[in-house]
Amino acid sequence: MTETATDSARPDGEPVFRPATPADVPALVALVESAYRGDSSRAGWTTEADLLDGRRTNPEAVTEAVGHSEGLVLLAERDGELLACCQLEQRGERAYFGMFSVRPGLQGGGIGRAVLAEAERLAVERWGVGAMEMTVIEQRADLIAWYERRGYRRTGEFSPFPYGDERFGIPLRPDLRFAHLVKDLKADS
């Protein structure tokens, strides 16, 4: 990676990136929950509070992501403060991008773009993958449009939402499903 855990701030004010450790799990769970669920998430634009209730994640799932042998959770910090995170996982010739969260009060200020760009760069550098893939709740048209402006495209594939499994939240509507998005990374390198 371009930065180390000992760097607390770059002169240009950009976030510092580092892989998460097990000690980061409580802060990561709090960040993800604040970005997507409950009233605190409404301060940003990535809220899912109108689509889902309940939890977005839990310590066990985040611990698993942090310790995944073919992946990592990337943190973005400034002066030691956690600003954003994402999960990366190598899946053959592609990398999976998930658990993307930016503190609600900072959304819209460029942190998300910086994290996504670093994740793409890191996936190519670390694993040599040719593409990044993700799933986004189809009803999140604003979020899908944000990814499309950054070069992602809809594949036309969908996955069902795991109704009945409260680890993923409590759906507030019956028609949720995940749209698959992909971006070719080799053209960017």
N, C-alpha and C. Protein backbone atom coordinates (compact mmCIF):
# COMPACT_ATOMS: atom_id res chain seq x y z
N MET A 1 0.83 -1.17 0.00
CA MET A 1 0.00 0.00 0.00
C MET A 1 0.88 1.23 0.00
N THR A 2 0.28 2.34 -0.32
CA THR A 2 1.05 3.56 -0.44
C THR A 2 1.33 4.20 0.91
N GLU A 3 0.57 3.90 1.93
CA GLU A 3 0.76 4.50 3.25
C GLU A 3 0.92 3.39 4.27
N THR A 4 1.44 3.75 5.42
CA THR A 4 1.59 2.78 6.50
C THR A 4 0.74 3.19 7.68
N ALA A 5 0.57 2.26 8.61
CA ALA A 5 -0.25 2.53 9.78
C ALA A 5 0.34 3.64 10.65
N THR A 6 1.62 3.93 10.52
CA THR A 6 2.24 4.97 11.34
C THR A 6 2.02 6.36 10.76
N ASP A 7 1.63 6.47 9.52
CA ASP A 7 1.34 7.78 8.94
C ASP A 7 0.00 8.25 9.47
N SER A 8 -0.07 9.42 10.09
CA SER A 8 -1.34 9.86 10.64
C SER A 8 -2.08 10.83 9.73
N ALA A 9 -1.39 11.53 8.88
CA ALA A 9 -2.04 12.43 7.95
C ALA A 9 -1.07 12.77 6.83
N ARG A 10 -1.60 12.87 5.65
CA ARG A 10 -0.78 13.29 4.52
C ARG A 10 -0.83 14.80 4.43
N PRO A 11 0.22 15.41 3.92
CA PRO A 11 0.24 16.87 3.82
C PRO A 11 -0.91 17.43 2.99
N ASP A 12 -1.40 16.68 2.02
CA ASP A 12 -2.46 17.18 1.16
C ASP A 12 -3.85 16.99 1.74
N GLY A 13 -3.96 16.46 2.97
CA GLY A 13 -5.25 16.28 3.62
C GLY A 13 -6.00 15.04 3.18
N GLU A 14 -5.43 14.29 2.24
CA GLU A 14 -6.06 13.06 1.79
C GLU A 14 -6.00 12.01 2.89
N PRO A 15 -6.93 11.06 2.88
CA PRO A 15 -6.89 10.02 3.91
C PRO A 15 -5.68 9.11 3.76
N VAL A 16 -5.32 8.51 4.86
CA VAL A 16 -4.26 7.50 4.92
C VAL A 16 -4.97 6.15 4.92
N PHE A 17 -4.45 5.20 4.16
CA PHE A 17 -5.06 3.87 4.04
C PHE A 17 -4.21 2.84 4.75
N ARG A 18 -4.91 1.87 5.37
CA ARG A 18 -4.22 0.74 5.98
C ARG A 18 -5.21 -0.42 6.09
N PRO A 19 -4.68 -1.65 6.16
CA PRO A 19 -5.58 -2.79 6.37
C PRO A 19 -6.05 -2.82 7.82
N ALA A 20 -7.28 -3.24 8.02
CA ALA A 20 -7.84 -3.37 9.36
C ALA A 20 -7.22 -4.55 10.09
N THR A 21 -7.21 -4.47 11.39
CA THR A 21 -6.77 -5.55 12.26
C THR A 21 -7.95 -5.94 13.15
N PRO A 22 -7.85 -7.05 13.86
CA PRO A 22 -8.95 -7.43 14.76
C PRO A 22 -9.29 -6.33 15.78
N ALA A 23 -8.33 -5.53 16.17
CA ALA A 23 -8.60 -4.45 17.14
C ALA A 23 -9.53 -3.38 16.56
N ASP A 24 -9.65 -3.31 15.23
CA ASP A 24 -10.50 -2.32 14.58
C ASP A 24 -11.96 -2.74 14.47
N VAL A 25 -12.28 -3.99 14.80
CA VAL A 25 -13.63 -4.51 14.57
C VAL A 25 -14.72 -3.67 15.24
N PRO A 26 -14.63 -3.32 16.52
CA PRO A 26 -15.72 -2.52 17.11
C PRO A 26 -15.96 -1.20 16.38
N ALA A 27 -14.90 -0.50 16.01
CA ALA A 27 -15.06 0.77 15.29
C ALA A 27 -15.64 0.55 13.91
N LEU A 28 -15.26 -0.55 13.25
CA LEU A 28 -15.80 -0.85 11.93
C LEU A 28 -17.30 -1.15 11.99
N VAL A 29 -17.71 -1.94 12.96
CA VAL A 29 -19.14 -2.25 13.11
C VAL A 29 -19.92 -0.96 13.32
N ALA A 30 -19.42 -0.09 14.18
CA ALA A 30 -20.10 1.19 14.45
C ALA A 30 -20.17 2.05 13.18
N LEU A 31 -19.08 2.09 12.41
CA LEU A 31 -19.07 2.87 11.18
C LEU A 31 -20.10 2.35 10.18
N VAL A 32 -20.08 1.06 9.94
CA VAL A 32 -21.01 0.47 8.96
C VAL A 32 -22.45 0.71 9.38
N GLU A 33 -22.75 0.49 10.65
CA GLU A 33 -24.12 0.71 11.13
C GLU A 33 -24.53 2.17 10.95
N SER A 34 -23.63 3.11 11.28
CA SER A 34 -23.98 4.53 11.19
C SER A 34 -24.19 4.98 9.76
N ALA A 35 -23.52 4.34 8.81
CA ALA A 35 -23.63 4.74 7.41
C ALA A 35 -24.90 4.24 6.73
N TYR A 36 -25.49 3.16 7.26
CA TYR A 36 -26.59 2.53 6.54
C TYR A 36 -27.90 2.41 7.30
N ARG A 37 -27.87 2.34 8.61
CA ARG A 37 -29.09 2.05 9.36
C ARG A 37 -29.37 3.09 10.43
N GLY A 38 -30.64 3.22 10.74
CA GLY A 38 -31.06 4.08 11.83
C GLY A 38 -31.01 5.56 11.47
N ASP A 39 -31.39 6.37 12.44
CA ASP A 39 -31.47 7.82 12.22
C ASP A 39 -30.12 8.44 11.90
N SER A 40 -29.03 7.92 12.49
CA SER A 40 -27.72 8.51 12.22
C SER A 40 -27.36 8.41 10.74
N SER A 41 -27.84 7.37 10.07
CA SER A 41 -27.51 7.18 8.65
C SER A 41 -28.18 8.23 7.78
N ARG A 42 -29.23 8.86 8.26
CA ARG A 42 -29.95 9.85 7.45
C ARG A 42 -29.15 11.14 7.27
N ALA A 43 -28.06 11.31 8.03
CA ALA A 43 -27.19 12.47 7.85
C ALA A 43 -26.41 12.38 6.54
N GLY A 44 -26.28 11.18 6.00
CA GLY A 44 -25.60 10.96 4.72
C GLY A 44 -26.60 10.55 3.66
N TRP A 45 -26.11 10.25 2.48
CA TRP A 45 -27.01 9.86 1.40
C TRP A 45 -26.99 8.36 1.12
N THR A 46 -26.20 7.59 1.85
CA THR A 46 -26.14 6.14 1.60
C THR A 46 -27.09 5.35 2.48
N THR A 47 -27.93 6.00 3.23
CA THR A 47 -28.83 5.31 4.14
C THR A 47 -29.69 4.25 3.44
N GLU A 48 -29.89 3.16 4.13
CA GLU A 48 -30.83 2.13 3.68
C GLU A 48 -32.03 2.08 4.63
N ALA A 49 -32.16 3.09 5.49
CA ALA A 49 -33.16 3.08 6.55
C ALA A 49 -34.59 2.99 6.02
N ASP A 50 -34.84 3.41 4.79
CA ASP A 50 -36.18 3.30 4.23
C ASP A 50 -36.43 1.94 3.59
N LEU A 51 -35.38 1.15 3.42
CA LEU A 51 -35.51 -0.17 2.81
C LEU A 51 -35.38 -1.30 3.81
N LEU A 52 -34.55 -1.08 4.83
CA LEU A 52 -34.24 -2.14 5.78
C LEU A 52 -34.17 -1.59 7.19
N ASP A 53 -34.58 -2.42 8.13
CA ASP A 53 -34.44 -2.11 9.55
C ASP A 53 -33.46 -3.12 10.12
N GLY A 54 -33.18 -3.02 11.39
CA GLY A 54 -32.27 -3.99 12.01
C GLY A 54 -30.82 -3.63 11.74
N ARG A 55 -29.97 -4.61 11.89
CA ARG A 55 -28.52 -4.41 11.76
C ARG A 55 -28.06 -4.56 10.31
N ARG A 56 -26.96 -3.91 9.98
CA ARG A 56 -26.33 -4.07 8.66
C ARG A 56 -25.24 -5.12 8.73
N THR A 57 -24.61 -5.24 9.90
CA THR A 57 -23.53 -6.21 10.09
C THR A 57 -23.43 -6.54 11.57
N ASN A 58 -22.44 -7.34 11.92
CA ASN A 58 -22.21 -7.68 13.32
C ASN A 58 -20.73 -7.95 13.51
N PRO A 59 -20.27 -8.01 14.75
CA PRO A 59 -18.84 -8.22 14.99
C PRO A 59 -18.29 -9.51 14.39
N GLU A 60 -19.09 -10.56 14.35
CA GLU A 60 -18.62 -11.83 13.79
C GLU A 60 -18.35 -11.71 12.30
N ALA A 61 -19.27 -11.07 11.57
CA ALA A 61 -19.08 -10.92 10.12
C ALA A 61 -17.89 -10.02 9.80
N VAL A 62 -17.72 -8.96 10.58
CA VAL A 62 -16.60 -8.05 10.33
C VAL A 62 -15.28 -8.73 10.69
N THR A 63 -15.27 -9.49 11.78
CA THR A 63 -14.07 -10.24 12.16
C THR A 63 -13.68 -11.22 11.07
N GLU A 64 -14.68 -11.88 10.49
CA GLU A 64 -14.41 -12.82 9.39
C GLU A 64 -13.82 -12.09 8.19
N ALA A 65 -14.37 -10.92 7.84
CA ALA A 65 -13.85 -10.16 6.71
C ALA A 65 -12.42 -9.68 6.96
N VAL A 66 -12.14 -9.23 8.17
CA VAL A 66 -10.80 -8.74 8.52
C VAL A 66 -9.78 -9.87 8.43
N GLY A 67 -10.18 -11.07 8.81
CA GLY A 67 -9.25 -12.20 8.82
C GLY A 67 -9.28 -13.07 7.59
N HIS A 68 -10.05 -12.69 6.58
CA HIS A 68 -10.20 -13.51 5.37
C HIS A 68 -8.83 -13.72 4.70
N SER A 69 -8.51 -14.96 4.39
CA SER A 69 -7.19 -15.27 3.84
C SER A 69 -6.97 -14.71 2.43
N GLU A 70 -8.04 -14.46 1.68
CA GLU A 70 -7.89 -13.92 0.33
C GLU A 70 -8.55 -12.55 0.21
N GLY A 71 -8.46 -11.79 1.29
CA GLY A 71 -9.08 -10.48 1.27
C GLY A 71 -8.55 -9.60 2.37
N LEU A 72 -9.15 -8.44 2.49
CA LEU A 72 -8.80 -7.50 3.54
C LEU A 72 -9.90 -6.48 3.68
N VAL A 73 -9.90 -5.80 4.81
CA VAL A 73 -10.76 -4.65 5.00
C VAL A 73 -9.83 -3.44 5.01
N LEU A 74 -10.08 -2.51 4.11
CA LEU A 74 -9.26 -1.33 3.95
C LEU A 74 -9.87 -0.18 4.74
N LEU A 75 -9.04 0.49 5.55
CA LEU A 75 -9.49 1.63 6.33
C LEU A 75 -8.94 2.91 5.73
N ALA A 76 -9.73 3.97 5.81
CA ALA A 76 -9.29 5.32 5.46
C ALA A 76 -9.37 6.13 6.74
N GLU A 77 -8.25 6.74 7.12
CA GLU A 77 -8.17 7.50 8.35
C GLU A 77 -7.55 8.87 8.08
N ARG A 78 -7.84 9.79 8.96
CA ARG A 78 -7.17 11.09 8.96
C ARG A 78 -6.90 11.43 10.42
N ASP A 79 -5.64 11.69 10.73
CA ASP A 79 -5.22 11.98 12.10
C ASP A 79 -5.71 10.90 13.08
N GLY A 80 -5.66 9.65 12.64
CA GLY A 80 -6.04 8.52 13.47
C GLY A 80 -7.53 8.30 13.60
N GLU A 81 -8.35 9.11 12.94
CA GLU A 81 -9.81 8.98 13.01
C GLU A 81 -10.30 8.17 11.82
N LEU A 82 -11.13 7.15 12.09
CA LEU A 82 -11.69 6.31 11.04
C LEU A 82 -12.74 7.10 10.26
N LEU A 83 -12.51 7.23 8.96
CA LEU A 83 -13.41 7.98 8.08
C LEU A 83 -14.27 7.06 7.23
N ALA A 84 -13.67 5.97 6.75
CA ALA A 84 -14.35 5.11 5.79
C ALA A 84 -13.68 3.75 5.76
N CYS A 85 -14.37 2.78 5.14
CA CYS A 85 -13.80 1.45 4.99
C CYS A 85 -14.43 0.76 3.79
N CYS A 86 -13.80 -0.32 3.37
CA CYS A 86 -14.37 -1.21 2.37
C CYS A 86 -13.73 -2.59 2.54
N GLN A 87 -14.42 -3.57 2.05
CA GLN A 87 -13.91 -4.95 2.05
C GLN A 87 -13.48 -5.29 0.64
N LEU A 88 -12.34 -5.92 0.51
CA LEU A 88 -11.86 -6.43 -0.77
C LEU A 88 -11.61 -7.91 -0.62
N GLU A 89 -11.98 -8.67 -1.64
CA GLU A 89 -11.75 -10.11 -1.61
C GLU A 89 -11.41 -10.58 -3.02
N GLN A 90 -10.33 -11.33 -3.13
CA GLN A 90 -9.97 -11.87 -4.43
C GLN A 90 -10.88 -13.03 -4.76
N ARG A 91 -11.45 -12.99 -5.96
CA ARG A 91 -12.32 -14.06 -6.45
C ARG A 91 -11.89 -14.39 -7.87
N GLY A 92 -10.84 -15.18 -7.96
CA GLY A 92 -10.31 -15.55 -9.27
C GLY A 92 -9.71 -14.35 -9.96
N GLU A 93 -10.19 -14.06 -11.17
CA GLU A 93 -9.68 -12.94 -11.97
C GLU A 93 -10.31 -11.61 -11.61
N ARG A 94 -11.20 -11.63 -10.61
CA ARG A 94 -11.88 -10.41 -10.18
C ARG A 94 -11.66 -10.20 -8.68
N ALA A 95 -11.89 -8.97 -8.26
CA ALA A 95 -11.93 -8.66 -6.83
C ALA A 95 -13.36 -8.27 -6.50
N TYR A 96 -13.81 -8.66 -5.32
CA TYR A 96 -15.13 -8.26 -4.84
C TYR A 96 -14.97 -7.05 -3.93
N PHE A 97 -15.83 -6.07 -4.09
CA PHE A 97 -15.83 -4.84 -3.32
C PHE A 97 -17.11 -4.79 -2.50
N GLY A 98 -17.00 -4.68 -1.19
CA GLY A 98 -18.20 -4.63 -0.36
C GLY A 98 -17.95 -3.88 0.94
N MET A 99 -18.95 -3.88 1.79
CA MET A 99 -18.91 -3.25 3.11
C MET A 99 -18.39 -1.81 3.03
N PHE A 100 -18.69 -1.13 1.95
CA PHE A 100 -18.22 0.23 1.71
C PHE A 100 -19.01 1.19 2.59
N SER A 101 -18.31 1.90 3.46
CA SER A 101 -18.96 2.80 4.40
C SER A 101 -18.14 4.06 4.59
N VAL A 102 -18.83 5.19 4.58
CA VAL A 102 -18.22 6.49 4.85
C VAL A 102 -19.04 7.14 5.96
N ARG A 103 -18.37 7.74 6.92
CA ARG A 103 -19.09 8.42 7.99
C ARG A 103 -20.13 9.35 7.39
N PRO A 104 -21.39 9.28 7.88
CA PRO A 104 -22.47 10.05 7.26
C PRO A 104 -22.19 11.55 7.10
N GLY A 105 -21.59 12.20 8.06
CA GLY A 105 -21.32 13.62 7.96
C GLY A 105 -20.25 13.98 6.94
N LEU A 106 -19.51 12.99 6.46
CA LEU A 106 -18.44 13.22 5.49
C LEU A 106 -18.83 12.81 4.07
N GLN A 107 -20.00 12.19 3.92
CA GLN A 107 -20.43 11.74 2.60
C GLN A 107 -20.63 12.93 1.67
N GLY A 108 -20.23 12.75 0.44
CA GLY A 108 -20.34 13.81 -0.55
C GLY A 108 -19.12 14.71 -0.60
N GLY A 109 -18.11 14.41 0.21
CA GLY A 109 -16.92 15.26 0.25
C GLY A 109 -15.69 14.68 -0.41
N GLY A 110 -15.83 13.56 -1.12
CA GLY A 110 -14.71 12.98 -1.86
C GLY A 110 -14.02 11.82 -1.19
N ILE A 111 -14.33 11.53 0.06
CA ILE A 111 -13.70 10.40 0.75
C ILE A 111 -14.05 9.09 0.04
N GLY A 112 -15.32 8.92 -0.31
CA GLY A 112 -15.75 7.70 -0.98
C GLY A 112 -15.02 7.47 -2.29
N ARG A 113 -14.88 8.52 -3.08
CA ARG A 113 -14.15 8.40 -4.36
C ARG A 113 -12.70 7.99 -4.10
N ALA A 114 -12.09 8.55 -3.07
CA ALA A 114 -10.70 8.21 -2.74
C ALA A 114 -10.58 6.75 -2.31
N VAL A 115 -11.52 6.28 -1.51
CA VAL A 115 -11.48 4.88 -1.05
C VAL A 115 -11.68 3.94 -2.24
N LEU A 116 -12.64 4.23 -3.09
CA LEU A 116 -12.89 3.37 -4.25
C LEU A 116 -11.67 3.31 -5.15
N ALA A 117 -11.06 4.46 -5.40
CA ALA A 117 -9.86 4.50 -6.26
C ALA A 117 -8.72 3.70 -5.63
N GLU A 118 -8.52 3.84 -4.33
CA GLU A 118 -7.45 3.08 -3.65
C GLU A 118 -7.76 1.58 -3.68
N ALA A 119 -9.01 1.21 -3.50
CA ALA A 119 -9.40 -0.20 -3.54
C ALA A 119 -9.12 -0.80 -4.92
N GLU A 120 -9.45 -0.07 -5.96
CA GLU A 120 -9.19 -0.55 -7.32
C GLU A 120 -7.69 -0.70 -7.57
N ARG A 121 -6.93 0.31 -7.17
CA ARG A 121 -5.48 0.27 -7.34
C ARG A 121 -4.88 -0.90 -6.58
N LEU A 122 -5.30 -1.08 -5.36
CA LEU A 122 -4.78 -2.14 -4.51
C LEU A 122 -5.13 -3.53 -5.07
N ALA A 123 -6.35 -3.69 -5.57
CA ALA A 123 -6.75 -4.98 -6.13
C ALA A 123 -5.88 -5.38 -7.32
N VAL A 124 -5.56 -4.42 -8.17
CA VAL A 124 -4.69 -4.70 -9.32
C VAL A 124 -3.28 -4.98 -8.84
N GLU A 125 -2.76 -4.14 -7.95
CA GLU A 125 -1.39 -4.29 -7.47
C GLU A 125 -1.19 -5.60 -6.69
N ARG A 126 -2.11 -5.92 -5.81
CA ARG A 126 -1.95 -7.06 -4.92
C ARG A 126 -2.28 -8.38 -5.61
N TRP A 127 -3.36 -8.40 -6.39
CA TRP A 127 -3.83 -9.66 -6.95
C TRP A 127 -3.76 -9.74 -8.47
N GLY A 128 -3.48 -8.64 -9.15
CA GLY A 128 -3.41 -8.65 -10.60
C GLY A 128 -4.75 -8.91 -11.27
N VAL A 129 -5.84 -8.59 -10.60
CA VAL A 129 -7.16 -8.86 -11.16
C VAL A 129 -7.48 -7.90 -12.30
N GLY A 130 -8.37 -8.33 -13.16
CA GLY A 130 -8.76 -7.52 -14.30
C GLY A 130 -10.05 -6.75 -14.11
N ALA A 131 -10.77 -7.05 -13.02
CA ALA A 131 -12.06 -6.38 -12.81
C ALA A 131 -12.42 -6.36 -11.34
N MET A 132 -13.28 -5.42 -11.00
CA MET A 132 -13.86 -5.32 -9.66
C MET A 132 -15.35 -5.55 -9.81
N GLU A 133 -15.92 -6.35 -8.91
CA GLU A 133 -17.35 -6.60 -8.95
C GLU A 133 -17.96 -6.28 -7.60
N MET A 134 -19.27 -6.04 -7.61
CA MET A 134 -19.99 -5.75 -6.38
C MET A 134 -21.46 -6.04 -6.59
N THR A 135 -22.18 -6.07 -5.49
CA THR A 135 -23.64 -6.14 -5.54
C THR A 135 -24.19 -4.95 -4.77
N VAL A 136 -25.26 -4.37 -5.31
CA VAL A 136 -25.91 -3.21 -4.70
C VAL A 136 -27.41 -3.47 -4.74
N ILE A 137 -28.10 -3.13 -3.67
CA ILE A 137 -29.55 -3.29 -3.67
C ILE A 137 -30.11 -2.51 -4.86
N GLU A 138 -30.87 -3.20 -5.70
CA GLU A 138 -31.36 -2.62 -6.95
C GLU A 138 -32.14 -1.32 -6.73
N GLN A 139 -32.84 -1.22 -5.66
CA GLN A 139 -33.66 -0.04 -5.38
C GLN A 139 -32.82 1.18 -5.00
N ARG A 140 -31.52 1.01 -4.85
CA ARG A 140 -30.61 2.13 -4.53
C ARG A 140 -30.12 2.78 -5.83
N ALA A 141 -31.04 3.32 -6.61
CA ALA A 141 -30.72 3.90 -7.91
C ALA A 141 -29.67 5.01 -7.80
N ASP A 142 -29.73 5.82 -6.74
CA ASP A 142 -28.75 6.89 -6.58
C ASP A 142 -27.34 6.35 -6.37
N LEU A 143 -27.23 5.28 -5.60
CA LEU A 143 -25.92 4.67 -5.35
C LEU A 143 -25.39 3.97 -6.61
N ILE A 144 -26.27 3.27 -7.31
CA ILE A 144 -25.85 2.62 -8.55
C ILE A 144 -25.38 3.67 -9.56
N ALA A 145 -26.09 4.78 -9.64
CA ALA A 145 -25.68 5.86 -10.56
C ALA A 145 -24.31 6.41 -10.16
N TRP A 146 -24.03 6.51 -8.86
CA TRP A 146 -22.72 6.98 -8.39
C TRP A 146 -21.62 6.03 -8.88
N TYR A 147 -21.84 4.73 -8.76
CA TYR A 147 -20.86 3.75 -9.26
C TYR A 147 -20.73 3.82 -10.78
N GLU A 148 -21.84 4.00 -11.48
CA GLU A 148 -21.78 4.09 -12.94
C GLU A 148 -20.94 5.30 -13.38
N ARG A 149 -21.02 6.39 -12.66
CA ARG A 149 -20.20 7.56 -13.00
C ARG A 149 -18.72 7.28 -12.78
N ARG A 150 -18.40 6.24 -12.06
CA ARG A 150 -17.02 5.85 -11.80
C ARG A 150 -16.60 4.63 -12.63
N GLY A 151 -17.36 4.34 -13.67
CA GLY A 151 -16.97 3.31 -14.61
C GLY A 151 -17.56 1.93 -14.41
N TYR A 152 -18.40 1.75 -13.41
CA TYR A 152 -19.05 0.45 -13.19
C TYR A 152 -20.25 0.35 -14.11
N ARG A 153 -20.57 -0.88 -14.49
CA ARG A 153 -21.73 -1.11 -15.34
C ARG A 153 -22.56 -2.25 -14.77
N ARG A 154 -23.84 -2.16 -15.02
CA ARG A 154 -24.74 -3.24 -14.60
C ARG A 154 -24.50 -4.44 -15.52
N THR A 155 -24.48 -5.61 -14.93
CA THR A 155 -24.27 -6.81 -15.74
C THR A 155 -25.57 -7.42 -16.24
N GLY A 156 -26.68 -7.01 -15.67
CA GLY A 156 -27.97 -7.63 -15.98
C GLY A 156 -28.26 -8.83 -15.10
N GLU A 157 -27.31 -9.16 -14.23
CA GLU A 157 -27.50 -10.27 -13.29
C GLU A 157 -28.02 -9.73 -11.96
N PHE A 158 -28.80 -10.56 -11.28
CA PHE A 158 -29.36 -10.20 -9.98
C PHE A 158 -29.24 -11.38 -9.03
N SER A 159 -29.18 -11.07 -7.76
CA SER A 159 -29.21 -12.08 -6.71
C SER A 159 -30.37 -11.75 -5.79
N PRO A 160 -31.02 -12.76 -5.26
CA PRO A 160 -32.14 -12.48 -4.36
C PRO A 160 -31.66 -11.92 -3.02
N PHE A 161 -32.48 -11.09 -2.42
CA PHE A 161 -32.19 -10.63 -1.07
C PHE A 161 -32.48 -11.77 -0.11
N PRO A 162 -31.64 -11.97 0.90
CA PRO A 162 -31.84 -13.11 1.82
C PRO A 162 -32.95 -12.85 2.85
N TYR A 163 -34.19 -12.81 2.35
CA TYR A 163 -35.33 -12.63 3.25
C TYR A 163 -35.31 -13.72 4.32
N GLY A 164 -35.64 -13.34 5.54
CA GLY A 164 -35.69 -14.30 6.63
C GLY A 164 -34.38 -14.45 7.38
N ASP A 165 -33.30 -13.87 6.87
CA ASP A 165 -32.00 -13.93 7.53
C ASP A 165 -31.69 -12.54 8.08
N GLU A 166 -32.01 -12.32 9.34
CA GLU A 166 -31.88 -10.99 9.94
C GLU A 166 -30.44 -10.50 10.07
N ARG A 167 -29.46 -11.35 9.74
CA ARG A 167 -28.07 -10.87 9.72
C ARG A 167 -27.88 -9.80 8.66
N PHE A 168 -28.77 -9.76 7.66
CA PHE A 168 -28.67 -8.80 6.58
C PHE A 168 -29.68 -7.67 6.72
N GLY A 169 -30.44 -7.67 7.81
CA GLY A 169 -31.43 -6.64 8.05
C GLY A 169 -32.83 -7.19 7.93
N ILE A 170 -33.77 -6.34 8.32
CA ILE A 170 -35.19 -6.69 8.26
C ILE A 170 -35.81 -5.86 7.14
N PRO A 171 -36.16 -6.52 6.03
CA PRO A 171 -36.69 -5.79 4.88
C PRO A 171 -37.99 -5.06 5.21
N LEU A 172 -38.13 -3.85 4.69
CA LEU A 172 -39.34 -3.05 4.86
C LEU A 172 -40.20 -3.07 3.61
N ARG A 173 -39.77 -3.85 2.60
CA ARG A 173 -40.54 -4.00 1.37
C ARG A 173 -40.25 -5.38 0.78
N PRO A 174 -41.15 -5.91 -0.04
CA PRO A 174 -41.03 -7.29 -0.50
C PRO A 174 -40.25 -7.50 -1.79
N ASP A 175 -39.73 -6.46 -2.41
CA ASP A 175 -39.17 -6.59 -3.76
C ASP A 175 -37.66 -6.35 -3.83
N LEU A 176 -36.95 -6.47 -2.71
CA LEU A 176 -35.51 -6.20 -2.72
C LEU A 176 -34.74 -7.30 -3.43
N ARG A 177 -33.73 -6.90 -4.17
CA ARG A 177 -32.78 -7.83 -4.76
C ARG A 177 -31.50 -7.07 -5.05
N PHE A 178 -30.42 -7.81 -5.29
CA PHE A 178 -29.12 -7.21 -5.54
C PHE A 178 -28.82 -7.18 -7.03
N ALA A 179 -28.42 -6.02 -7.52
CA ALA A 179 -27.93 -5.87 -8.89
C ALA A 179 -26.42 -6.08 -8.87
N HIS A 180 -25.90 -6.76 -9.87
CA HIS A 180 -24.46 -7.00 -9.98
C HIS A 180 -23.85 -5.92 -10.87
N LEU A 181 -22.74 -5.34 -10.40
CA LEU A 181 -22.01 -4.32 -11.15
C LEU A 181 -20.57 -4.78 -11.30
N VAL A 182 -19.93 -4.36 -12.39
CA VAL A 182 -18.54 -4.74 -12.65
C VAL A 182 -17.83 -3.58 -13.35
N LYS A 183 -16.53 -3.50 -13.13
CA LYS A 183 -15.70 -2.51 -13.82
C LYS A 183 -14.41 -3.20 -14.25
N ASP A 184 -14.01 -2.96 -15.49
CA ASP A 184 -12.73 -3.45 -16.01
C ASP A 184 -11.64 -2.57 -15.41
N LEU A 185 -10.68 -3.19 -14.73
CA LEU A 185 -9.60 -2.44 -14.09
C LEU A 185 -8.34 -2.38 -14.92
N LYS A 186 -8.14 -3.30 -15.81
CA LYS A 186 -6.89 -3.34 -16.59
C LYS A 186 -6.76 -2.10 -17.46
N ALA A 187 -7.86 -1.57 -17.95
CA ALA A 187 -7.81 -0.39 -18.79
C ALA A 187 -7.34 0.83 -18.00
N ASP A 188 -7.52 0.80 -16.66
CA ASP A 188 -7.14 1.92 -15.83
C ASP A 188 -5.69 1.86 -15.40
N SER A 189 -5.05 0.69 -15.53
CA SER A 189 -3.70 0.56 -14.99
C SER A 189 -2.64 0.92 -15.98
